[in-house]
Amino acid sequence: MRRFLLIFGWLSVIGSIGDGIISLYALWVVGSGGWANPGIQVGPLLEQHLPALYWVKDVARYVLPASVVTWVFNLPALVYFPVRVVMGCVIGWWVLAKAKSMGSSKSVAASNGRTAA
């Protein structure tokens, strides 16, 4: 279980870095357009400016209800991606803290000559 938590935690943190890069890119796209469209949506941002990442919409269609996919891809990118950064960091930090506490309980049990359950 600890290994799963470590992998999940680090993927959350690394994903947040990727989302942060996308946030900065969206900010650059909006700024280079003269701030004419500060509400660029997630779908058009990916489709027009980051087509290599547009496959995530197909994955979302496969795993989420259509109404949720439509809602998420219509959100403003400058709101959606920063929220993902914060949430990914919080979740990653929490999961890594849980994994660390699991590891320390095993080392305490091992030092007492027992194995942790």
PDB file of N, CA and C in Angstrom:
ATOM      1  N   MET A   1       0.819  -1.193   0.000  1.00  0.00           N
ATOM      2  CA  MET A   1       0.000   0.000   0.000  1.00  0.00           C
ATOM      3  C   MET A   1       0.863   1.257   0.000  1.00  0.00           C
ATOM      4  N   ARG A   2       1.952   1.215   0.741  1.00  0.00           N
ATOM      5  CA  ARG A   2       2.842   2.368   0.815  1.00  0.00           C
ATOM      6  C   ARG A   2       3.411   2.702  -0.563  1.00  0.00           C
ATOM      7  N   ARG A   3       3.781   1.690  -1.308  1.00  0.00           N
ATOM      8  CA  ARG A   3       4.342   1.914  -2.644  1.00  0.00           C
ATOM      9  C   ARG A   3       3.304   2.597  -3.547  1.00  0.00           C
ATOM     10  N   PHE A   4       2.056   2.123  -3.482  1.00  0.00           N
ATOM     11  CA  PHE A   4       0.982   2.745  -4.257  1.00  0.00           C
ATOM     12  C   PHE A   4       0.825   4.211  -3.877  1.00  0.00           C
ATOM     13  N   LEU A   5       0.825   4.504  -2.580  1.00  0.00           N
ATOM     14  CA  LEU A   5       0.682   5.890  -2.124  1.00  0.00           C
ATOM     15  C   LEU A   5       1.844   6.760  -2.602  1.00  0.00           C
ATOM     16  N   LEU A   6       3.058   6.224  -2.562  1.00  0.00           N
ATOM     17  CA  LEU A   6       4.212   6.983  -3.044  1.00  0.00           C
ATOM     18  C   LEU A   6       4.081   7.305  -4.534  1.00  0.00           C
ATOM     19  N   ILE A   7       3.681   6.307  -5.307  1.00  0.00           N
ATOM     20  CA  ILE A   7       3.515   6.527  -6.748  1.00  0.00           C
ATOM     21  C   ILE A   7       2.409   7.543  -7.006  1.00  0.00           C
ATOM     22  N   PHE A   8       1.276   7.374  -6.346  1.00  0.00           N
ATOM     23  CA  PHE A   8       0.146   8.292  -6.525  1.00  0.00           C
ATOM     24  C   PHE A   8       0.517   9.711  -6.098  1.00  0.00           C
ATOM     25  N   GLY A   9       1.204   9.827  -4.974  1.00  0.00           N
ATOM     26  CA  GLY A   9       1.608  11.145  -4.481  1.00  0.00           C
ATOM     27  C   GLY A   9       2.546  11.856  -5.428  1.00  0.00           C
ATOM     28  N   TRP A  10       3.563  11.143  -5.902  1.00  0.00           N
ATOM     29  CA  TRP A  10       4.515  11.776  -6.817  1.00  0.00           C
ATOM     30  C   TRP A  10       3.885  12.083  -8.169  1.00  0.00           C
ATOM     31  N   LEU A  11       2.987  11.224  -8.646  1.00  0.00           N
ATOM     32  CA  LEU A  11       2.277  11.531  -9.894  1.00  0.00           C
ATOM     33  C   LEU A  11       1.413  12.782  -9.736  1.00  0.00           C
ATOM     34  N   SER A  12       0.822  12.967  -8.574  1.00  0.00           N
ATOM     35  CA  SER A  12       0.036  14.180  -8.322  1.00  0.00           C
ATOM     36  C   SER A  12       0.924  15.419  -8.356  1.00  0.00           C
ATOM     37  N   VAL A  13       2.068  15.338  -7.725  1.00  0.00           N
ATOM     38  CA  VAL A  13       2.983  16.482  -7.694  1.00  0.00           C
ATOM     39  C   VAL A  13       3.523  16.770  -9.094  1.00  0.00           C
ATOM     40  N   ILE A  14       3.951  15.747  -9.801  1.00  0.00           N
ATOM     41  CA  ILE A  14       4.483  15.938 -11.154  1.00  0.00           C
ATOM     42  C   ILE A  14       3.385  16.433 -12.093  1.00  0.00           C
ATOM     43  N   GLY A  15       2.180  15.898 -11.947  1.00  0.00           N
ATOM     44  CA  GLY A  15       1.053  16.385 -12.739  1.00  0.00           C
ATOM     45  C   GLY A  15       0.772  17.859 -12.479  1.00  0.00           C
ATOM     46  N   SER A  16       0.936  18.279 -11.235  1.00  0.00           N
ATOM     47  CA  SER A  16       0.745  19.689 -10.894  1.00  0.00           C
ATOM     48  C   SER A  16       1.767  20.570 -11.589  1.00  0.00           C
ATOM     49  N   ILE A  17       2.977  20.076 -11.718  1.00  0.00           N
ATOM     50  CA  ILE A  17       3.998  20.830 -12.444  1.00  0.00           C
ATOM     51  C   ILE A  17       3.580  20.988 -13.903  1.00  0.00           C
ATOM     52  N   GLY A  18       3.086  19.901 -14.505  1.00  0.00           N
ATOM     53  CA  GLY A  18       2.599  19.973 -15.885  1.00  0.00           C
ATOM     54  C   GLY A  18       1.432  20.934 -16.023  1.00  0.00           C
ATOM     55  N   ASP A  19       0.504  20.877 -15.082  1.00  0.00           N
ATOM     56  CA  ASP A  19      -0.635  21.799 -15.106  1.00  0.00           C
ATOM     57  C   ASP A  19      -0.175  23.241 -14.922  1.00  0.00           C
ATOM     58  N   GLY A  20       0.849  23.439 -14.107  1.00  0.00           N
ATOM     59  CA  GLY A  20       1.405  24.783 -13.937  1.00  0.00           C
ATOM     60  C   GLY A  20       2.009  25.308 -15.222  1.00  0.00           C
ATOM     61  N   ILE A  21       2.687  24.437 -15.958  1.00  0.00           N
ATOM     62  CA  ILE A  21       3.265  24.839 -17.247  1.00  0.00           C
ATOM     63  C   ILE A  21       2.151  25.199 -18.226  1.00  0.00           C
ATOM     64  N   ILE A  22       1.089  24.405 -18.236  1.00  0.00           N
ATOM     65  CA  ILE A  22      -0.057  24.710 -19.108  1.00  0.00           C
ATOM     66  C   ILE A  22      -0.694  26.026 -18.687  1.00  0.00           C
ATOM     67  N   SER A  23      -0.784  26.283 -17.382  1.00  0.00           N
ATOM     68  CA  SER A  23      -1.331  27.559 -16.896  1.00  0.00           C
ATOM     69  C   SER A  23      -0.516  28.738 -17.403  1.00  0.00           C
ATOM     70  N   LEU A  24       0.793  28.623 -17.296  1.00  0.00           N
ATOM     71  CA  LEU A  24       1.662  29.702 -17.777  1.00  0.00           C
ATOM     72  C   LEU A  24       1.537  29.879 -19.283  1.00  0.00           C
ATOM     73  N   TYR A  25       1.415  28.764 -19.996  1.00  0.00           N
ATOM     74  CA  TYR A  25       1.251  28.848 -21.444  1.00  0.00           C
ATOM     75  C   TYR A  25      -0.073  29.517 -21.795  1.00  0.00           C
ATOM     76  N   ALA A  26      -1.143  29.161 -21.079  1.00  0.00           N
ATOM     77  CA  ALA A  26      -2.444  29.801 -21.313  1.00  0.00           C
ATOM     78  C   ALA A  26      -2.365  31.293 -21.038  1.00  0.00           C
ATOM     79  N   LEU A  27      -1.657  31.667 -19.992  1.00  0.00           N
ATOM     80  CA  LEU A  27      -1.463  33.082 -19.678  1.00  0.00           C
ATOM     81  C   LEU A  27      -0.711  33.782 -20.800  1.00  0.00           C
ATOM     82  N   TRP A  28       0.297  33.099 -21.343  1.00  0.00           N
ATOM     83  CA  TRP A  28       1.062  33.659 -22.448  1.00  0.00           C
ATOM     84  C   TRP A  28       0.181  33.802 -23.698  1.00  0.00           C
ATOM     85  N   VAL A  29      -0.639  32.792 -23.989  1.00  0.00           N
ATOM     86  CA  VAL A  29      -1.542  32.851 -25.147  1.00  0.00           C
ATOM     87  C   VAL A  29      -2.492  34.033 -25.013  1.00  0.00           C
ATOM     88  N   VAL A  30      -3.072  34.195 -23.842  1.00  0.00           N
ATOM     89  CA  VAL A  30      -4.011  35.292 -23.624  1.00  0.00           C
ATOM     90  C   VAL A  30      -3.287  36.637 -23.711  1.00  0.00           C
ATOM     91  N   GLY A  31      -2.120  36.724 -23.094  1.00  0.00           N
ATOM     92  CA  GLY A  31      -1.349  37.971 -23.132  1.00  0.00           C
ATOM     93  C   GLY A  31      -0.877  38.329 -24.519  1.00  0.00           C
ATOM     94  N   SER A  32      -0.439  37.347 -25.292  1.00  0.00           N
ATOM     95  CA  SER A  32       0.036  37.633 -26.646  1.00  0.00           C
ATOM     96  C   SER A  32      -1.111  38.005 -27.581  1.00  0.00           C
ATOM     97  N   GLY A  33      -2.324  37.667 -27.196  1.00  0.00           N
ATOM     98  CA  GLY A  33      -3.501  38.053 -27.974  1.00  0.00           C
ATOM     99  C   GLY A  33      -4.058  39.402 -27.548  1.00  0.00           C
ATOM    100  N   GLY A  34      -3.296  40.128 -26.744  1.00  0.00           N
ATOM    101  CA  GLY A  34      -3.724  41.446 -26.311  1.00  0.00           C
ATOM    102  C   GLY A  34      -4.807  41.397 -25.246  1.00  0.00           C
ATOM    103  N   TRP A  35      -4.913  40.305 -24.530  1.00  0.00           N
ATOM    104  CA  TRP A  35      -5.893  40.122 -23.469  1.00  0.00           C
ATOM    105  C   TRP A  35      -7.326  40.232 -24.002  1.00  0.00           C
ATOM    106  N   ALA A  36      -7.483  39.968 -25.314  1.00  0.00           N
ATOM    107  CA  ALA A  36      -8.800  40.057 -25.940  1.00  0.00           C
ATOM    108  C   ALA A  36      -9.706  38.897 -25.515  1.00  0.00           C
ATOM    109  N   ASN A  37      -9.121  37.752 -25.182  1.00  0.00           N
ATOM    110  CA  ASN A  37      -9.924  36.589 -24.795  1.00  0.00           C
ATOM    111  C   ASN A  37      -9.367  35.970 -23.506  1.00  0.00           C
ATOM    112  N   PRO A  38      -9.526  36.642 -22.370  1.00  0.00           N
ATOM    113  CA  PRO A  38      -8.978  36.083 -21.131  1.00  0.00           C
ATOM    114  C   PRO A  38      -9.746  34.851 -20.649  1.00  0.00           C
ATOM    115  N   GLY A  39     -10.907  34.597 -21.218  1.00  0.00           N
ATOM    116  CA  GLY A  39     -11.713  33.452 -20.809  1.00  0.00           C
ATOM    117  C   GLY A  39     -11.567  32.264 -21.728  1.00  0.00           C
ATOM    118  N   ILE A  40     -10.414  32.121 -22.396  1.00  0.00           N
ATOM    119  CA  ILE A  40     -10.231  30.977 -23.295  1.00  0.00           C
ATOM    120  C   ILE A  40     -10.509  29.690 -22.520  1.00  0.00           C
ATOM    121  N   GLN A  41     -11.289  28.841 -23.129  1.00  0.00           N
ATOM    122  CA  GLN A  41     -11.728  27.615 -22.466  1.00  0.00           C
ATOM    123  C   GLN A  41     -10.699  26.506 -22.626  1.00  0.00           C
ATOM    124  N   VAL A  42     -10.810  25.512 -21.767  1.00  0.00           N
ATOM    125  CA  VAL A  42      -9.876  24.392 -21.766  1.00  0.00           C
ATOM    126  C   VAL A  42      -9.872  23.684 -23.123  1.00  0.00           C
ATOM    127  N   GLY A  43     -11.038  23.367 -23.662  1.00  0.00           N
ATOM    128  CA  GLY A  43     -11.136  22.643 -24.934  1.00  0.00           C
ATOM    129  C   GLY A  43     -10.445  23.370 -26.073  1.00  0.00           C
ATOM    130  N   PRO A  44     -10.818  24.633 -26.345  1.00  0.00           N
ATOM    131  CA  PRO A  44     -10.145  25.360 -27.421  1.00  0.00           C
ATOM    132  C   PRO A  44      -8.647  25.566 -27.182  1.00  0.00           C
ATOM    133  N   LEU A  45      -8.250  25.760 -25.929  1.00  0.00           N
ATOM    134  CA  LEU A  45      -6.817  25.904 -25.641  1.00  0.00           C
ATOM    135  C   LEU A  45      -6.067  24.652 -26.068  1.00  0.00           C
ATOM    136  N   LEU A  46      -6.584  23.500 -25.675  1.00  0.00           N
ATOM    137  CA  LEU A  46      -5.916  22.256 -26.045  1.00  0.00           C
ATOM    138  C   LEU A  46      -6.007  21.996 -27.539  1.00  0.00           C
ATOM    139  N   GLU A  47      -7.168  22.226 -28.111  1.00  0.00           N
ATOM    140  CA  GLU A  47      -7.375  21.922 -29.531  1.00  0.00           C
ATOM    141  C   GLU A  47      -6.534  22.820 -30.438  1.00  0.00           C
ATOM    142  N   GLN A  48      -6.494  24.109 -30.146  1.00  0.00           N
ATOM    143  CA  GLN A  48      -5.832  25.063 -31.033  1.00  0.00           C
ATOM    144  C   GLN A  48      -4.356  25.284 -30.714  1.00  0.00           C
ATOM    145  N   HIS A  49      -3.991  25.193 -29.436  1.00  0.00           N
ATOM    146  CA  HIS A  49      -2.627  25.562 -29.056  1.00  0.00           C
ATOM    147  C   HIS A  49      -1.784  24.395 -28.546  1.00  0.00           C
ATOM    148  N   LEU A  50      -2.420  23.357 -28.043  1.00  0.00           N
ATOM    149  CA  LEU A  50      -1.701  22.191 -27.524  1.00  0.00           C
ATOM    150  C   LEU A  50      -2.320  20.903 -28.071  1.00  0.00           C
ATOM    151  N   PRO A  51      -2.336  20.747 -29.398  1.00  0.00           N
ATOM    152  CA  PRO A  51      -3.033  19.591 -29.985  1.00  0.00           C
ATOM    153  C   PRO A  51      -2.449  18.242 -29.555  1.00  0.00           C
ATOM    154  N   ALA A  52      -1.197  18.213 -29.131  1.00  0.00           N
ATOM    155  CA  ALA A  52      -0.607  16.951 -28.678  1.00  0.00           C
ATOM    156  C   ALA A  52      -1.261  16.463 -27.383  1.00  0.00           C
ATOM    157  N   LEU A  53      -1.936  17.360 -26.666  1.00  0.00           N
ATOM    158  CA  LEU A  53      -2.602  16.986 -25.421  1.00  0.00           C
ATOM    159  C   LEU A  53      -4.114  16.816 -25.576  1.00  0.00           C
ATOM    160  N   TYR A  54      -4.621  17.032 -26.772  1.00  0.00           N
ATOM    161  CA  TYR A  54      -6.065  16.987 -26.976  1.00  0.00           C
ATOM    162  C   TYR A  54      -6.649  15.585 -26.797  1.00  0.00           C
ATOM    163  N   TRP A  55      -5.811  14.560 -26.804  1.00  0.00           N
ATOM    164  CA  TRP A  55      -6.270  13.190 -26.604  1.00  0.00           C
ATOM    165  C   TRP A  55      -6.925  13.006 -25.229  1.00  0.00           C
ATOM    166  N   VAL A  56      -6.618  13.882 -24.270  1.00  0.00           N
ATOM    167  CA  VAL A  56      -7.220  13.721 -22.947  1.00  0.00           C
ATOM    168  C   VAL A  56      -8.744  13.872 -23.009  1.00  0.00           C
ATOM    169  N   LYS A  57      -9.244  14.604 -24.004  1.00  0.00           N
ATOM    170  CA  LYS A  57     -10.690  14.738 -24.130  1.00  0.00           C
ATOM    171  C   LYS A  57     -11.314  13.392 -24.502  1.00  0.00           C
ATOM    172  N   ASP A  58     -10.643  12.627 -25.349  1.00  0.00           N
ATOM    173  CA  ASP A  58     -11.146  11.291 -25.699  1.00  0.00           C
ATOM    174  C   ASP A  58     -11.149  10.372 -24.475  1.00  0.00           C
ATOM    175  N   VAL A  59     -10.104  10.449 -23.672  1.00  0.00           N
ATOM    176  CA  VAL A  59     -10.051   9.649 -22.451  1.00  0.00           C
ATOM    177  C   VAL A  59     -11.172  10.080 -21.501  1.00  0.00           C
ATOM    178  N   ALA A  60     -11.365  11.386 -21.369  1.00  0.00           N
ATOM    179  CA  ALA A  60     -12.428  11.900 -20.497  1.00  0.00           C
ATOM    180  C   ALA A  60     -13.797  11.421 -20.972  1.00  0.00           C
ATOM    181  N   ARG A  61     -14.011  11.419 -22.271  1.00  0.00           N
ATOM    182  CA  ARG A  61     -15.293  10.938 -22.810  1.00  0.00           C
ATOM    183  C   ARG A  61     -15.521   9.470 -22.477  1.00  0.00           C
ATOM    184  N   TYR A  62     -14.444   8.733 -22.401  1.00  0.00           N
ATOM    185  CA  TYR A  62     -14.539   7.305 -22.116  1.00  0.00           C
ATOM    186  C   TYR A  62     -14.859   7.028 -20.649  1.00  0.00           C
ATOM    187  N   VAL A  63     -14.313   7.855 -19.729  1.00  0.00           N
ATOM    188  CA  VAL A  63     -14.438   7.548 -18.303  1.00  0.00           C
ATOM    189  C   VAL A  63     -15.437   8.432 -17.556  1.00  0.00           C
ATOM    190  N   LEU A  64     -15.900   9.514 -18.154  1.00  0.00           N
ATOM    191  CA  LEU A  64     -16.810  10.431 -17.471  1.00  0.00           C
ATOM    192  C   LEU A  64     -18.119  10.583 -18.243  1.00  0.00           C
ATOM    193  N   PRO A  65     -19.167  10.961 -17.554  1.00  0.00           N
ATOM    194  CA  PRO A  65     -20.415  11.258 -18.260  1.00  0.00           C
ATOM    195  C   PRO A  65     -20.226  12.443 -19.222  1.00  0.00           C
ATOM    196  N   ALA A  66     -20.962  12.435 -20.326  1.00  0.00           N
ATOM    197  CA  ALA A  66     -20.817  13.468 -21.354  1.00  0.00           C
ATOM    198  C   ALA A  66     -21.031  14.870 -20.797  1.00  0.00           C
ATOM    199  N   SER A  67     -21.972  15.022 -19.879  1.00  0.00           N
ATOM    200  CA  SER A  67     -22.231  16.354 -19.321  1.00  0.00           C
ATOM    201  C   SER A  67     -21.038  16.878 -18.526  1.00  0.00           C
ATOM    202  N   VAL A  68     -20.344  15.995 -17.838  1.00  0.00           N
ATOM    203  CA  VAL A  68     -19.163  16.408 -17.074  1.00  0.00           C
ATOM    204  C   VAL A  68     -18.033  16.800 -18.022  1.00  0.00           C
ATOM    205  N   VAL A  69     -17.842  16.021 -19.074  1.00  0.00           N
ATOM    206  CA  VAL A  69     -16.794  16.334 -20.054  1.00  0.00           C
ATOM    207  C   VAL A  69     -17.065  17.695 -20.685  1.00  0.00           C
ATOM    208  N   THR A  70     -18.289  17.931 -21.084  1.00  0.00           N
ATOM    209  CA  THR A  70     -18.658  19.218 -21.680  1.00  0.00           C
ATOM    210  C   THR A  70     -18.395  20.347 -20.698  1.00  0.00           C
ATOM    211  N   TRP A  71     -18.786  20.165 -19.448  1.00  0.00           N
ATOM    212  CA  TRP A  71     -18.603  21.199 -18.431  1.00  0.00           C
ATOM    213  C   TRP A  71     -17.122  21.507 -18.211  1.00  0.00           C
ATOM    214  N   VAL A  72     -16.292  20.455 -18.042  1.00  0.00           N
ATOM    215  CA  VAL A  72     -14.862  20.649 -17.770  1.00  0.00           C
ATOM    216  C   VAL A  72     -14.169  21.345 -18.939  1.00  0.00           C
ATOM    217  N   PHE A  73     -14.450  20.914 -20.156  1.00  0.00           N
ATOM    218  CA  PHE A  73     -13.751  21.482 -21.308  1.00  0.00           C
ATOM    219  C   PHE A  73     -14.297  22.856 -21.712  1.00  0.00           C
ATOM    220  N   ASN A  74     -15.377  23.290 -21.068  1.00  0.00           N
ATOM    221  CA  ASN A  74     -15.881  24.652 -21.281  1.00  0.00           C
ATOM    222  C   ASN A  74     -15.460  25.612 -20.187  1.00  0.00           C
ATOM    223  N   LEU A  75     -14.753  25.127 -19.177  1.00  0.00           N
ATOM    224  CA  LEU A  75     -14.270  26.007 -18.118  1.00  0.00           C
ATOM    225  C   LEU A  75     -13.147  26.902 -18.627  1.00  0.00           C
ATOM    226  N   PRO A  76     -13.007  28.105 -18.076  1.00  0.00           N
ATOM    227  CA  PRO A  76     -11.878  28.962 -18.460  1.00  0.00           C
ATOM    228  C   PRO A  76     -10.554  28.318 -18.034  1.00  0.00           C
ATOM    229  N   ALA A  77      -9.626  28.260 -18.961  1.00  0.00           N
ATOM    230  CA  ALA A  77      -8.334  27.616 -18.700  1.00  0.00           C
ATOM    231  C   ALA A  77      -7.567  28.319 -17.590  1.00  0.00           C
ATOM    232  N   LEU A  78      -7.701  29.647 -17.503  1.00  0.00           N
ATOM    233  CA  LEU A  78      -6.971  30.390 -16.484  1.00  0.00           C
ATOM    234  C   LEU A  78      -7.567  30.212 -15.095  1.00  0.00           C
ATOM    235  N   VAL A  79      -8.686  29.532 -15.004  1.00  0.00           N
ATOM    236  CA  VAL A  79      -9.260  29.154 -13.709  1.00  0.00           C
ATOM    237  C   VAL A  79      -8.992  27.662 -13.460  1.00  0.00           C
ATOM    238  N   TYR A  80      -9.264  26.851 -14.459  1.00  0.00           N
ATOM    239  CA  TYR A  80      -9.187  25.399 -14.322  1.00  0.00           C
ATOM    240  C   TYR A  80      -7.774  24.907 -13.966  1.00  0.00           C
ATOM    241  N   PHE A  81      -6.774  25.321 -14.732  1.00  0.00           N
ATOM    242  CA  PHE A  81      -5.431  24.774 -14.511  1.00  0.00           C
ATOM    243  C   PHE A  81      -4.801  25.228 -13.202  1.00  0.00           C
ATOM    244  N   PRO A  82      -4.938  26.494 -12.786  1.00  0.00           N
ATOM    245  CA  PRO A  82      -4.406  26.846 -11.460  1.00  0.00           C
ATOM    246  C   PRO A  82      -5.092  26.081 -10.323  1.00  0.00           C
ATOM    247  N   VAL A  83      -6.392  25.843 -10.445  1.00  0.00           N
ATOM    248  CA  VAL A  83      -7.088  25.052  -9.416  1.00  0.00           C
ATOM    249  C   VAL A  83      -6.530  23.634  -9.398  1.00  0.00           C
ATOM    250  N   ARG A  84      -6.263  23.077 -10.569  1.00  0.00           N
ATOM    251  CA  ARG A  84      -5.663  21.735 -10.639  1.00  0.00           C
ATOM    252  C   ARG A  84      -4.280  21.713 -10.002  1.00  0.00           C
ATOM    253  N   VAL A  85      -3.510  22.773 -10.178  1.00  0.00           N
ATOM    254  CA  VAL A  85      -2.179  22.842  -9.568  1.00  0.00           C
ATOM    255  C   VAL A  85      -2.310  22.773  -8.045  1.00  0.00           C
ATOM    256  N   VAL A  86      -3.168  23.611  -7.498  1.00  0.00           N
ATOM    257  CA  VAL A  86      -3.342  23.647  -6.039  1.00  0.00           C
ATOM    258  C   VAL A  86      -3.851  22.307  -5.523  1.00  0.00           C
ATOM    259  N   MET A  87      -4.889  21.780  -6.159  1.00  0.00           N
ATOM    260  CA  MET A  87      -5.469  20.512  -5.694  1.00  0.00           C
ATOM    261  C   MET A  87      -4.472  19.357  -5.835  1.00  0.00           C
ATOM    262  N   GLY A  88      -3.737  19.313  -6.929  1.00  0.00           N
ATOM    263  CA  GLY A  88      -2.744  18.257  -7.114  1.00  0.00           C
ATOM    264  C   GLY A  88      -1.645  18.319  -6.075  1.00  0.00           C
ATOM    265  N   CYS A  89      -1.209  19.529  -5.739  1.00  0.00           N
ATOM    266  CA  CYS A  89      -0.174  19.677  -4.708  1.00  0.00           C
ATOM    267  C   CYS A  89      -0.703  19.274  -3.335  1.00  0.00           C
ATOM    268  N   VAL A  90      -1.915  19.694  -3.019  1.00  0.00           N
ATOM    269  CA  VAL A  90      -2.499  19.347  -1.719  1.00  0.00           C
ATOM    270  C   VAL A  90      -2.685  17.834  -1.609  1.00  0.00           C
ATOM    271  N   ILE A  91      -3.268  17.231  -2.630  1.00  0.00           N
ATOM    272  CA  ILE A  91      -3.482  15.784  -2.604  1.00  0.00           C
ATOM    273  C   ILE A  91      -2.145  15.054  -2.569  1.00  0.00           C
ATOM    274  N   GLY A  92      -1.194  15.477  -3.398  1.00  0.00           N
ATOM    275  CA  GLY A  92       0.119  14.840  -3.416  1.00  0.00           C
ATOM    276  C   GLY A  92       0.819  14.939  -2.072  1.00  0.00           C
ATOM    277  N   TRP A  93       0.784  16.124  -1.452  1.00  0.00           N
ATOM    278  CA  TRP A  93       1.419  16.320  -0.153  1.00  0.00           C
ATOM    279  C   TRP A  93       0.775  15.406   0.886  1.00  0.00           C
ATOM    280  N   TRP A  94      -0.564  15.351   0.893  1.00  0.00           N
ATOM    281  CA  TRP A  94      -1.280  14.550   1.878  1.00  0.00           C
ATOM    282  C   TRP A  94      -0.960  13.057   1.706  1.00  0.00           C
ATOM    283  N   VAL A  95      -0.984  12.590   0.464  1.00  0.00           N
ATOM    284  CA  VAL A  95      -0.716  11.167   0.202  1.00  0.00           C
ATOM    285  C   VAL A  95       0.729  10.824   0.546  1.00  0.00           C
ATOM    286  N   LEU A  96       1.674  11.702   0.211  1.00  0.00           N
ATOM    287  CA  LEU A  96       3.077  11.433   0.552  1.00  0.00           C
ATOM    288  C   LEU A  96       3.286  11.451   2.066  1.00  0.00           C
ATOM    289  N   ALA A  97       2.562  12.325   2.769  1.00  0.00           N
ATOM    290  CA  ALA A  97       2.650  12.336   4.234  1.00  0.00           C
ATOM    291  C   ALA A  97       2.119  11.029   4.812  1.00  0.00           C
ATOM    292  N   LYS A  98       1.025  10.519   4.249  1.00  0.00           N
ATOM    293  CA  LYS A  98       0.484   9.228   4.702  1.00  0.00           C
ATOM    294  C   LYS A  98       1.485   8.101   4.427  1.00  0.00           C
ATOM    295  N   ALA A  99       2.106   8.129   3.264  1.00  0.00           N
ATOM    296  CA  ALA A  99       3.092   7.097   2.928  1.00  0.00           C
ATOM    297  C   ALA A  99       4.288   7.172   3.869  1.00  0.00           C
ATOM    298  N   LYS A 100       4.691   8.389   4.199  1.00  0.00           N
ATOM    299  CA  LYS A 100       5.822   8.560   5.119  1.00  0.00           C
ATOM    300  C   LYS A 100       5.475   8.014   6.497  1.00  0.00           C
ATOM    301  N   SER A 101       4.259   8.280   6.967  1.00  0.00           N
ATOM    302  CA  SER A 101       3.868   7.775   8.284  1.00  0.00           C
ATOM    303  C   SER A 101       3.782   6.250   8.283  1.00  0.00           C
ATOM    304  N   MET A 102       3.405   5.666   7.162  1.00  0.00           N
ATOM    305  CA  MET A 102       3.380   4.205   7.061  1.00  0.00           C
ATOM    306  C   MET A 102       4.790   3.652   7.126  1.00  0.00           C
ATOM    307  N   GLY A 103       5.724   4.343   6.499  1.00  0.00           N
ATOM    308  CA  GLY A 103       7.111   3.900   6.510  1.00  0.00           C
ATOM    309  C   GLY A 103       7.723   4.011   7.891  1.00  0.00           C
ATOM    310  N   SER A 104       7.410   5.091   8.619  1.00  0.00           N
ATOM    311  CA  SER A 104       7.985   5.257   9.955  1.00  0.00           C
ATOM    312  C   SER A 104       7.400   4.257  10.943  1.00  0.00           C
ATOM    313  N   SER A 105       6.137   3.876  10.764  1.00  0.00           N
ATOM    314  CA  SER A 105       5.565   2.870  11.672  1.00  0.00           C
ATOM    315  C   SER A 105       6.207   1.515  11.438  1.00  0.00           C
ATOM    316  N   LYS A 106       6.574   1.219  10.201  1.00  0.00           N
ATOM    317  CA  LYS A 106       7.262  -0.040   9.920  1.00  0.00           C
ATOM    318  C   LYS A 106       8.652  -0.041  10.542  1.00  0.00           C
ATOM    319  N   SER A 107       9.358   1.099  10.455  1.00  0.00           N
ATOM    320  CA  SER A 107      10.710   1.142  11.008  1.00  0.00           C
ATOM    321  C   SER A 107      10.680   1.073  12.530  1.00  0.00           C
ATOM    322  N   VAL A 108       9.675   1.657  13.175  1.00  0.00           N
ATOM    323  CA  VAL A 108       9.552   1.563  14.640  1.00  0.00           C
ATOM    324  C   VAL A 108       9.264   0.122  15.049  1.00  0.00           C
ATOM    325  N   ALA A 109       8.357  -0.522  14.323  1.00  0.00           N
ATOM    326  CA  ALA A 109       8.033  -1.920  14.629  1.00  0.00           C
ATOM    327  C   ALA A 109       9.249  -2.821  14.409  1.00  0.00           C
ATOM    328  N   ALA A 110      10.012  -2.552  13.365  1.00  0.00           N
ATOM    329  CA  ALA A 110      11.182  -3.354  13.071  1.00  0.00           C
ATOM    330  C   ALA A 110      12.234  -3.165  14.156  1.00  0.00           C
ATOM    331  N   SER A 111      12.380  -1.940  14.664  1.00  0.00           N
ATOM    332  CA  SER A 111      13.372  -1.704  15.716  1.00  0.00           C
ATOM    333  C   SER A 111      12.971  -2.371  17.025  1.00  0.00           C
ATOM    334  N   ASN A 112      11.683  -2.641  17.211  1.00  0.00           N
ATOM    335  CA  ASN A 112      11.213  -3.340  18.394  1.00  0.00           C
ATOM    336  C   ASN A 112      11.236  -4.857  18.203  1.00  0.00           C
ATOM    337  N   GLY A 113      11.683  -5.307  17.036  1.00  0.00           N
ATOM    338  CA  GLY A 113      11.776  -6.735  16.773  1.00  0.00           C
ATOM    339  C   GLY A 113      10.494  -7.341  16.255  1.00  0.00           C
ATOM    340  N   ARG A 114       9.524  -6.488  15.885  1.00  0.00           N
ATOM    341  CA  ARG A 114       8.252  -6.972  15.353  1.00  0.00           C
ATOM    342  C   ARG A 114       8.099  -6.455  13.946  1.00  0.00           C
ATOM    343  N   THR A 115       7.179  -7.059  13.223  1.00  0.00           N
ATOM    344  CA  THR A 115       6.829  -6.543  11.902  1.00  0.00           C
ATOM    345  C   THR A 115       5.504  -5.861  12.003  1.00  0.00           C
ATOM    346  N   ALA A 116       5.338  -4.810  11.222  1.00  0.00           N
ATOM    347  CA  ALA A 116       4.073  -4.066  11.227  1.00  0.00           C
ATOM    348  C   ALA A 116       3.020  -4.837  10.459  1.00  0.00           C
ATOM    349  N   ALA A 117       1.810  -4.766  10.917  1.00  0.00           N
ATOM    350  CA  ALA A 117       0.710  -5.468  10.245  1.00  0.00           C
ATOM    351  C   ALA A 117       0.226  -4.708   9.057  1.00  0.00           C
TER     352      ALA A 117
END
